N, C-alpha and C. Protein backbone atom coordinates (compact mmCIF):
# COMPACT_ATOMS: atom_id res chain seq x y z
N MET A 1 90.52 74.66 119.19
CA MET A 1 89.65 73.98 118.72
C MET A 1 90.71 73.76 117.08
N PRO A 2 90.81 72.05 117.59
CA PRO A 2 91.45 71.62 116.19
C PRO A 2 91.37 71.89 114.69
N ALA A 3 91.80 71.73 113.59
CA ALA A 3 91.87 72.39 112.29
C ALA A 3 91.08 71.61 112.08
N ASP A 4 89.60 72.25 110.83
CA ASP A 4 88.87 72.06 109.93
C ASP A 4 90.45 70.81 109.41
N PRO A 5 89.83 68.81 109.25
CA PRO A 5 90.50 68.14 108.19
C PRO A 5 91.16 68.54 107.28
N GLY A 6 89.89 69.65 106.18
CA GLY A 6 89.57 69.92 105.22
C GLY A 6 90.87 71.33 104.70
N THR A 7 91.08 71.75 106.13
CA THR A 7 92.63 72.66 105.93
C THR A 7 93.90 72.26 106.46
N SER A 8 94.77 72.37 105.14
CA SER A 8 95.76 72.01 105.16
C SER A 8 96.31 74.07 105.63
N VAL A 9 97.00 73.13 106.68
CA VAL A 9 97.88 73.68 107.64
C VAL A 9 99.44 74.36 107.62
N ALA A 10 99.75 75.64 107.59
CA ALA A 10 101.76 75.59 107.59
C ALA A 10 102.52 76.00 108.35
N VAL A 11 103.57 75.98 108.25
CA VAL A 11 104.56 75.96 109.77
C VAL A 11 105.79 75.79 109.50
N ALA A 12 106.43 76.55 109.81
CA ALA A 12 107.58 76.89 109.46
C ALA A 12 108.68 77.63 110.62
N ALA A 13 109.80 77.26 110.29
CA ALA A 13 110.81 77.39 110.60
C ALA A 13 109.96 79.52 110.21
N LEU A 14 110.34 80.52 110.67
CA LEU A 14 110.57 81.89 109.01
C LEU A 14 111.96 83.18 108.65
N ARG A 15 112.90 81.89 109.72
CA ARG A 15 114.31 82.50 109.16
C ARG A 15 114.48 82.92 107.97
N GLU A 16 114.77 83.78 107.55
CA GLU A 16 114.76 83.93 106.23
C GLU A 16 113.80 83.77 105.29
N GLN A 17 112.98 83.11 105.22
CA GLN A 17 112.17 81.96 104.41
C GLN A 17 110.61 82.65 104.42
N ARG A 18 109.66 82.22 103.76
CA ARG A 18 107.96 82.71 103.79
C ARG A 18 107.34 81.29 105.01
N LEU A 19 106.47 81.71 104.86
CA LEU A 19 105.29 81.03 105.46
C LEU A 19 104.17 81.59 104.73
N ALA A 20 103.60 80.63 104.04
CA ALA A 20 102.87 80.66 103.33
C ALA A 20 102.19 79.47 102.71
N PRO A 21 100.82 79.17 102.97
CA PRO A 21 100.28 77.73 102.69
C PRO A 21 99.43 78.04 101.05
N ASN A 22 99.21 76.75 100.42
CA ASN A 22 98.91 76.81 99.24
C ASN A 22 97.21 77.86 99.02
N GLY A 23 97.81 78.73 98.62
CA GLY A 23 96.55 78.57 97.83
C GLY A 23 95.85 79.88 98.99
N SER A 24 96.58 80.34 100.36
CA SER A 24 96.46 81.84 101.21
C SER A 24 96.94 82.92 100.52
N LYS A 25 95.79 84.12 101.27
CA LYS A 25 96.35 85.28 100.78
C LYS A 25 97.49 86.23 102.12
N LEU A 26 97.04 85.56 102.89
CA LEU A 26 98.34 85.67 103.61
C LEU A 26 98.86 85.37 103.81
N VAL A 27 101.10 85.52 103.78
CA VAL A 27 101.63 85.82 103.36
C VAL A 27 102.43 85.97 104.73
N LEU A 28 103.98 85.44 105.27
CA LEU A 28 104.53 86.02 106.86
C LEU A 28 106.11 85.88 105.83
N VAL A 29 106.61 86.68 106.10
CA VAL A 29 108.40 86.45 105.94
C VAL A 29 109.45 86.99 107.41
N GLU A 30 110.07 85.88 108.27
CA GLU A 30 110.88 86.31 108.60
C GLU A 30 112.61 87.64 107.88
N TRP A 31 113.04 88.84 108.59
CA TRP A 31 113.45 88.91 107.75
C TRP A 31 115.40 89.72 109.37
N THR A 32 115.98 90.03 108.08
CA THR A 32 116.95 90.55 109.10
C THR A 32 117.92 92.00 107.88
N ILE A 33 117.40 93.28 108.67
CA ILE A 33 118.07 94.66 108.38
C ILE A 33 119.50 95.06 108.76
N PRO A 34 120.77 95.41 108.04
CA PRO A 34 121.75 94.96 108.89
C PRO A 34 121.59 97.41 109.30
N GLY A 35 122.39 97.63 111.14
CA GLY A 35 122.40 98.85 111.42
C GLY A 35 122.50 99.36 110.80
N ALA A 36 121.94 101.32 111.04
CA ALA A 36 122.46 102.70 110.63
C ALA A 36 123.98 102.31 109.68
N SER A 37 124.59 103.18 109.68
CA SER A 37 126.18 103.14 109.26
C SER A 37 126.03 104.94 110.22
N SER A 38 124.78 105.69 109.39
CA SER A 38 125.15 107.23 109.94
C SER A 38 123.90 107.86 110.63
N ASP A 39 123.60 108.15 110.62
CA ASP A 39 122.39 109.63 111.59
C ASP A 39 121.18 109.47 111.16
N SER A 40 121.62 109.22 108.90
CA SER A 40 120.30 109.16 108.53
C SER A 40 120.57 107.97 108.37
N PRO A 41 119.48 107.57 108.47
CA PRO A 41 119.33 105.61 107.92
C PRO A 41 118.96 105.87 106.86
N GLU A 42 118.93 104.40 106.13
CA GLU A 42 117.97 104.58 104.48
C GLU A 42 117.75 103.99 104.76
N TRP A 43 115.92 104.02 104.17
CA TRP A 43 114.16 103.91 103.63
C TRP A 43 114.75 102.00 103.28
N VAL A 44 114.74 101.66 103.12
CA VAL A 44 114.10 100.39 103.12
C VAL A 44 113.14 100.56 101.06
N ALA A 45 111.70 100.33 101.20
CA ALA A 45 111.71 100.78 100.34
C ALA A 45 111.89 101.92 100.05
N PRO A 46 111.35 102.25 99.21
CA PRO A 46 110.90 103.28 98.09
C PRO A 46 109.47 104.15 98.75
N VAL A 47 109.05 104.88 99.07
CA VAL A 47 107.55 105.46 99.43
C VAL A 47 106.56 105.07 98.69
N HIS A 48 106.00 104.21 99.05
CA HIS A 48 104.67 104.18 98.15
C HIS A 48 103.59 103.56 98.75
N ILE A 49 102.27 103.67 98.21
CA ILE A 49 101.11 102.85 98.76
C ILE A 49 100.70 101.80 97.49
N HIS A 50 99.89 100.78 98.31
CA HIS A 50 99.06 99.72 98.21
C HIS A 50 98.19 99.63 98.47
N HIS A 51 97.20 99.56 97.36
CA HIS A 51 96.01 100.38 96.90
C HIS A 51 94.96 99.07 97.22
N ASP A 52 95.17 97.87 97.28
CA ASP A 52 94.31 97.39 97.43
C ASP A 52 94.92 96.22 99.32
N ASP A 53 96.31 96.92 100.03
CA ASP A 53 96.69 95.46 100.10
C ASP A 53 96.75 95.72 102.06
N ASP A 54 97.67 95.50 103.26
CA ASP A 54 97.22 95.87 104.03
C ASP A 54 98.86 95.59 103.93
N GLU A 55 99.77 96.21 105.63
CA GLU A 55 100.58 95.33 105.71
C GLU A 55 101.82 95.03 107.22
N ALA A 56 101.86 95.04 107.48
CA ALA A 56 101.85 95.14 109.18
C ALA A 56 103.40 94.08 109.81
N TRP A 57 103.59 94.74 110.12
CA TRP A 57 105.53 94.47 110.64
C TRP A 57 105.88 93.97 112.03
N TYR A 58 106.10 93.09 112.89
CA TYR A 58 106.16 92.78 113.82
C TYR A 58 107.62 92.66 114.07
N VAL A 59 107.86 93.37 115.32
CA VAL A 59 109.92 93.65 115.83
C VAL A 59 109.94 92.63 116.25
N LEU A 60 111.17 91.74 115.89
CA LEU A 60 112.14 90.40 117.32
C LEU A 60 112.46 90.72 117.74
N GLU A 61 112.98 91.82 117.23
CA GLU A 61 115.20 92.16 117.32
C GLU A 61 115.59 93.24 117.00
N GLY A 62 116.02 94.74 118.31
CA GLY A 62 116.54 95.99 117.29
C GLY A 62 115.01 96.75 117.06
N SER A 63 114.75 97.69 116.62
CA SER A 63 113.98 98.77 115.87
C SER A 63 113.87 98.67 114.89
N LEU A 64 112.96 99.43 113.73
CA LEU A 64 112.43 99.79 113.26
C LEU A 64 111.18 101.21 112.99
N ARG A 65 111.65 102.54 111.82
CA ARG A 65 110.77 103.06 111.42
C ARG A 65 110.22 102.80 110.84
N VAL A 66 108.96 102.85 111.34
CA VAL A 66 107.97 102.89 110.53
C VAL A 66 107.04 104.23 110.07
N ARG A 67 107.53 104.84 109.06
CA ARG A 67 106.67 106.29 108.37
C ARG A 67 105.36 105.69 107.34
N ILE A 68 104.47 106.13 107.53
CA ILE A 68 102.98 105.44 107.51
C ILE A 68 102.71 106.99 107.56
N GLY A 69 101.77 107.42 106.30
CA GLY A 69 101.77 108.41 106.04
C GLY A 69 102.60 109.48 106.25
N GLN A 70 101.95 110.76 106.75
CA GLN A 70 103.23 111.80 107.93
C GLN A 70 104.07 111.09 109.30
N ASP A 71 103.46 110.47 109.47
CA ASP A 71 103.92 110.17 111.16
C ASP A 71 105.54 108.63 111.00
N GLU A 72 105.99 109.47 111.75
CA GLU A 72 106.93 108.31 111.54
C GLU A 72 106.47 107.74 113.04
N HIS A 73 107.10 105.91 113.01
CA HIS A 73 106.37 105.33 114.28
C HIS A 73 108.58 104.65 114.78
N ASP A 74 108.95 105.23 115.81
CA ASP A 74 110.13 104.10 115.92
C ASP A 74 109.03 102.74 117.14
N VAL A 75 109.30 101.31 116.43
CA VAL A 75 108.98 100.10 117.04
C VAL A 75 109.76 99.12 117.34
N ALA A 76 109.97 99.24 118.84
CA ALA A 76 111.25 98.71 120.10
C ALA A 76 111.05 97.00 119.31
N ALA A 77 111.36 96.01 119.60
CA ALA A 77 111.13 94.83 119.80
C ALA A 77 110.17 94.41 120.83
N GLY A 78 109.44 93.95 120.22
CA GLY A 78 107.43 93.45 120.24
C GLY A 78 106.69 94.33 120.03
N GLY A 79 106.87 95.14 119.63
CA GLY A 79 105.75 96.04 119.44
C GLY A 79 105.87 95.48 117.87
N ALA A 80 104.43 96.56 116.92
CA ALA A 80 104.50 96.25 115.95
C ALA A 80 103.03 96.94 115.26
N VAL A 81 103.08 98.33 113.42
CA VAL A 81 102.60 98.35 113.45
C VAL A 81 102.13 97.89 112.13
N ILE A 82 100.29 98.29 111.80
CA ILE A 82 99.96 97.84 110.45
C ILE A 82 100.27 99.51 109.94
N GLY A 83 100.39 99.05 108.54
CA GLY A 83 100.52 100.06 106.42
C GLY A 83 99.26 99.56 106.76
N PRO A 84 97.64 100.73 106.69
CA PRO A 84 97.00 100.33 106.25
C PRO A 84 96.91 100.69 104.74
N ARG A 85 96.10 99.53 104.09
CA ARG A 85 95.99 100.16 102.47
C ARG A 85 95.36 101.36 101.93
N GLY A 86 96.10 102.16 101.08
CA GLY A 86 95.61 103.61 100.69
C GLY A 86 96.67 104.77 101.15
N ILE A 87 97.67 104.42 102.18
CA ILE A 87 98.80 105.32 102.52
C ILE A 87 99.55 105.19 102.77
N PRO A 88 100.40 106.58 101.80
CA PRO A 88 102.29 106.45 101.71
C PRO A 88 102.97 105.66 102.40
N HIS A 89 104.21 104.75 102.47
CA HIS A 89 104.38 104.25 104.21
C HIS A 89 105.85 103.84 102.95
N THR A 90 107.40 103.51 104.03
CA THR A 90 107.91 103.07 103.42
C THR A 90 108.85 102.48 105.19
N PHE A 91 109.91 102.10 105.95
CA PHE A 91 110.49 101.52 106.41
C PHE A 91 111.97 101.24 106.74
N CYS A 92 112.86 102.05 108.08
CA CYS A 92 114.21 101.69 108.12
C CYS A 92 115.18 101.40 109.01
N ASN A 93 115.53 101.03 109.91
CA ASN A 93 116.75 100.60 110.47
C ASN A 93 117.02 101.60 110.63
N PRO A 94 116.58 102.57 111.83
CA PRO A 94 117.00 103.72 113.03
C PRO A 94 118.28 103.05 114.03
N ASP A 95 119.14 102.37 114.01
CA ASP A 95 119.94 101.88 115.06
C ASP A 95 120.86 101.19 114.94
N PRO A 96 122.21 101.26 114.85
CA PRO A 96 123.45 100.10 114.72
C PRO A 96 123.39 98.63 114.91
N ALA A 97 122.12 98.69 115.07
CA ALA A 97 122.54 96.78 115.62
C ALA A 97 121.45 97.06 114.99
N PRO A 98 121.13 95.27 114.56
CA PRO A 98 120.48 95.09 112.70
C PRO A 98 118.94 94.89 113.70
N ALA A 99 117.94 95.01 112.42
CA ALA A 99 116.89 94.17 112.82
C ALA A 99 115.82 93.04 113.02
N ARG A 100 115.13 92.85 112.96
CA ARG A 100 114.97 91.00 112.60
C ARG A 100 113.35 91.11 113.16
N TYR A 101 112.65 91.71 111.83
CA TYR A 101 111.01 90.99 111.60
C TYR A 101 110.36 89.82 111.32
N ILE A 102 109.61 90.16 111.10
CA ILE A 102 108.40 89.39 110.59
C ILE A 102 107.59 90.28 110.10
N LEU A 103 108.00 90.28 108.50
CA LEU A 103 106.84 91.26 107.27
C LEU A 103 105.34 90.49 107.39
N VAL A 104 104.17 91.07 107.30
CA VAL A 104 103.24 90.16 106.89
C VAL A 104 102.19 90.40 105.50
N MET A 105 102.55 89.75 105.12
CA MET A 105 101.77 91.26 103.09
C MET A 105 100.98 90.19 103.14
N SER A 106 99.80 90.29 101.96
CA SER A 106 99.08 89.82 101.00
C SER A 106 100.35 89.07 100.13
N ASP A 107 99.96 87.67 99.93
CA ASP A 107 100.71 87.01 98.28
C ASP A 107 100.75 87.80 97.15
N ARG A 108 100.14 89.33 97.26
CA ARG A 108 100.45 90.23 96.11
C ARG A 108 101.56 90.83 95.93
N THR A 109 101.29 91.11 97.74
CA THR A 109 102.64 92.26 97.31
C THR A 109 103.86 91.01 97.81
N SER A 110 104.37 90.63 98.15
CA SER A 110 105.11 89.45 98.57
C SER A 110 105.04 89.05 96.62
N ALA A 111 104.61 88.85 95.97
CA ALA A 111 105.15 88.79 94.75
C ALA A 111 105.87 90.14 94.23
N LEU A 112 105.41 90.98 94.56
CA LEU A 112 105.89 91.96 94.21
C LEU A 112 107.55 91.88 94.98
N LEU A 113 107.71 91.77 96.29
CA LEU A 113 108.91 91.40 96.40
C LEU A 113 109.80 90.07 95.67
N ASP A 114 109.02 89.58 95.49
CA ASP A 114 110.02 88.98 94.54
C ASP A 114 110.40 88.88 93.72
N ASP A 115 109.46 89.50 92.96
CA ASP A 115 110.37 90.64 91.55
C ASP A 115 111.15 91.36 91.21
N LEU A 116 111.40 92.62 92.86
CA LEU A 116 112.11 93.40 93.20
C LEU A 116 113.18 92.72 93.31
N HIS A 117 112.84 91.59 94.25
CA HIS A 117 115.11 91.15 94.25
C HIS A 117 115.12 90.44 93.34
N SER A 118 115.08 90.75 92.51
CA SER A 118 115.15 88.75 91.59
C SER A 118 116.53 89.23 90.88
N GLY A 119 117.31 90.82 91.32
CA GLY A 119 118.10 90.80 90.81
C GLY A 119 118.35 91.39 89.22
N LYS A 120 116.71 91.75 88.41
CA LYS A 120 116.97 92.20 87.41
C LYS A 120 117.28 93.78 87.17
N ARG A 121 117.87 94.59 86.95
CA ARG A 121 117.73 96.12 86.91
C ARG A 121 116.87 97.32 86.34
N LEU A 122 116.21 97.92 87.08
CA LEU A 122 115.21 98.35 85.89
C LEU A 122 115.57 99.49 86.47
N GLU A 123 115.18 100.42 85.00
CA GLU A 123 114.81 102.10 84.83
C GLU A 123 113.52 102.53 85.57
N PRO A 124 113.62 103.04 86.12
CA PRO A 124 112.97 104.33 86.59
C PRO A 124 111.22 104.04 86.44
N ALA A 125 111.04 104.38 85.05
CA ALA A 125 109.97 103.96 84.51
C ALA A 125 109.55 102.72 84.30
N GLU A 126 110.65 101.94 84.49
CA GLU A 126 110.47 100.42 84.52
C GLU A 126 109.80 99.45 85.85
N LEU A 127 110.04 100.28 86.56
CA LEU A 127 110.63 99.99 87.70
C LEU A 127 108.52 100.55 88.88
N ARG A 128 108.09 102.28 88.12
CA ARG A 128 107.00 102.14 88.92
C ARG A 128 106.12 101.44 87.88
N ASP A 129 106.70 100.83 86.43
CA ASP A 129 105.40 99.47 86.05
C ASP A 129 105.50 98.35 87.05
N LEU A 130 106.11 98.05 87.34
CA LEU A 130 106.45 97.17 87.95
C LEU A 130 105.32 97.45 89.32
N TYR A 131 106.39 97.77 89.79
CA TYR A 131 104.43 98.68 91.81
C TYR A 131 102.72 98.31 90.75
N ALA A 132 102.79 99.67 89.34
CA ALA A 132 101.23 99.27 89.57
C ALA A 132 100.47 97.82 89.11
N THR A 133 101.94 97.02 88.46
CA THR A 133 101.09 95.38 88.11
C THR A 133 100.95 94.72 89.08
N TYR A 134 100.99 95.43 90.25
CA TYR A 134 100.99 94.59 92.28
C TYR A 134 99.83 95.24 92.41
N GLY A 135 98.69 96.50 92.28
CA GLY A 135 98.50 97.20 92.55
C GLY A 135 99.28 98.24 93.35
N CYS A 136 100.16 99.05 93.68
CA CYS A 136 100.85 100.23 93.99
C CYS A 136 101.60 100.71 93.27
N GLU A 137 101.37 102.03 94.16
CA GLU A 137 102.42 103.08 92.89
C GLU A 137 103.10 103.57 93.58
N LEU A 138 104.02 104.12 92.86
CA LEU A 138 105.87 104.36 93.84
C LEU A 138 105.59 105.50 94.05
N LEU A 139 105.44 106.41 95.42
CA LEU A 139 105.91 107.36 94.93
C LEU A 139 107.50 108.03 95.22
N GLY A 140 108.69 107.66 95.57
CA GLY A 140 109.01 108.21 96.18
C GLY A 140 110.40 107.56 95.28
């Protein structure tokens, strides 16, 4: 079915960049994270909750371990997992090889990540406030 002529469609190679058409509430970003250097991989983000937004990971290469609530899911290439709003979650790469994945998120979560990756050093209270600004709660 052809796209509605009034609808803009964004197409992009996603490597380390985002796909987010103007006005879209949905953002796709492809990222690569290095492999774990020990038996205890580092979680990429502290445990947190998105109160109003869902988040999803689709693994392209390698694997991710995604903790949603009390459950941990090992997701291999070709697999996906959804982190529903209101449920604490985090993720890591449990393997020595890099993991390449697509993160599917809201525009608000994308804005939070932009702020987190801005390079500004934040004290714990500032970090909690930043998460709260974007409808999230930092738990860990």
